[in-house]
Amino acid sequence: MSERHHKIVIIGAGAAGISVAASLMRHAEGKSLDIVIIDPAQTHYYQPEFTLVGGGVVKLDKTRRPMKGLIPDGVPWIQQTASAIDPDSQRVSLQNGDIVAYDYLVVCPGLVLDYDAIEGLRQALGKNGVCSNYSPDYVEYTWQCIQALKAGDKAFFSQAPLPIKCPGAPQKIAYLAADHLRRQGILADCELHFTSPGPSMFGVPYFAKALVEVADGYGIHKDLLHKLVKVDGEAKKATFEIVDGEHKGELKELEFDMLHVAPHQTTPAFLHGSAISNEAGFVEVDQHSLQHVKYPNIFSLGDACTTPNSKTAAAVRKQSPVVVQNIKSLIAGESLVGRYNGYGSCPLTTARGKVMMAEFIYGGKVTPTLPYIAKPNVGSAIMWQVKTKFLPLLYWNYMLKGYEKFIEPQYDYDIEE
């Protein structure tokens, strides 16, 4: 066992960890800045493109790059898994027994897929028509399943209880599948269902209303308040529980030919029972400053913190500059001025070639970046180009390199226009 010390320790080398590290190095302006990143992963994925892989638009290889090429120059990389955080002694324990002490800690390990929260899912995935776009291990199988659908088949697209990464993803693939079937001339002969434990199609009413129209346009059944609880891949049966209303608690066992699953998601094990986390294992932070509510030298951003925003890469893009600014202020003994307003973006693929760009902040206020180029609640060919061409470029070449200035959303946008 060994112990080392760094001024700033970052747990997680996903979009959040790398962008924070890169931005801090840029702010250092050539001065020595003692930062270290802890993450065991050898490969970094641009997860927002998984929907396009599952929809047959993008190859999986395009979504991944070696982690070693993305860690900022001058930042050591500890290729280990964090196993515990002791905020009182300011130490992070690693799975191999080593200790990393810190002055300032940034916690952004992301979420893990909890396959076992749905009975039988772990055993069923990857065969018998059971697929998921949430993992690189199964996303290519989604496209195989869509291509295999034929007249008379029944397909389900299930959403997991929140919080999950990219809550819009389960219906994105439903629309891409429906569009494919329409192009094949068999959509009317197939039965498609979107199932969700939630009471609406989307958390922001402005977009939820529009998505109802998209689903209806394809003839997709909207099975709301339905939670997937069991999968029998061999028998090709899925069991759903009705979670509210007159039939609350009722179970429905339904046959399927294809079942796309959004697995339940949780934080990594080391955050459960931790002094910095709530009962669900999420790091407790102020939703605006992203500073821990008890330990001022700890910050958290991304999917594993308690901010009540949509868990998306776009949210991280707005959170990262706030964390960087506030860490700099804390080091300088100044007041924290960085504020995160809850911005999130969900490019909803409503068809191959069309995207509804849902952008919003805390409270569900609609904040489109380009409202006069494409109406926010309508599928647009221009936004498809933004989704497929511009956003990956922005991610790899700007966000992960620590650049912070981008086109700002229109916070005064009137959704009645």
Foldseek 3Di string as FASTA:
>chain_A
DEEEEFAEEEEADALQRLLLQLQLVVVCVPPQHTYEYEAQDQKYFPLLCLLVLLLVNDPRVVGIDTSVVLRDPNYHYHNFHWQAADLVQQWTATPVGYIYHYNFYEYEHAKDFDQVQAAPRVVQEPDLQEAESRDPVGSNVSNVSLVPDDFQFEEEQEFADDDDAQRLSSVLNVLSSLQVCVVVVRLVRYAAEYEYLAPFNDPFVLQRVLVVVLCVVSPYHYHYQWHWRYADSVQQWTKTARCDDPRHRDIDIDHGSHYYDDGDIAHDPNQDVHPQADNRSAGEADLWLQAGPPRRSYGYDANRHDRPARRYSVLSLLVSVSPSQQNVCVVVVHDRDGTRFRWDWRFRNNYVQWTQIFIAGPPSQTWALCCVVDPNNDTDNVVNCCSPPVVVCCSRPPSSSNHRDDRGTHRPDDNVD
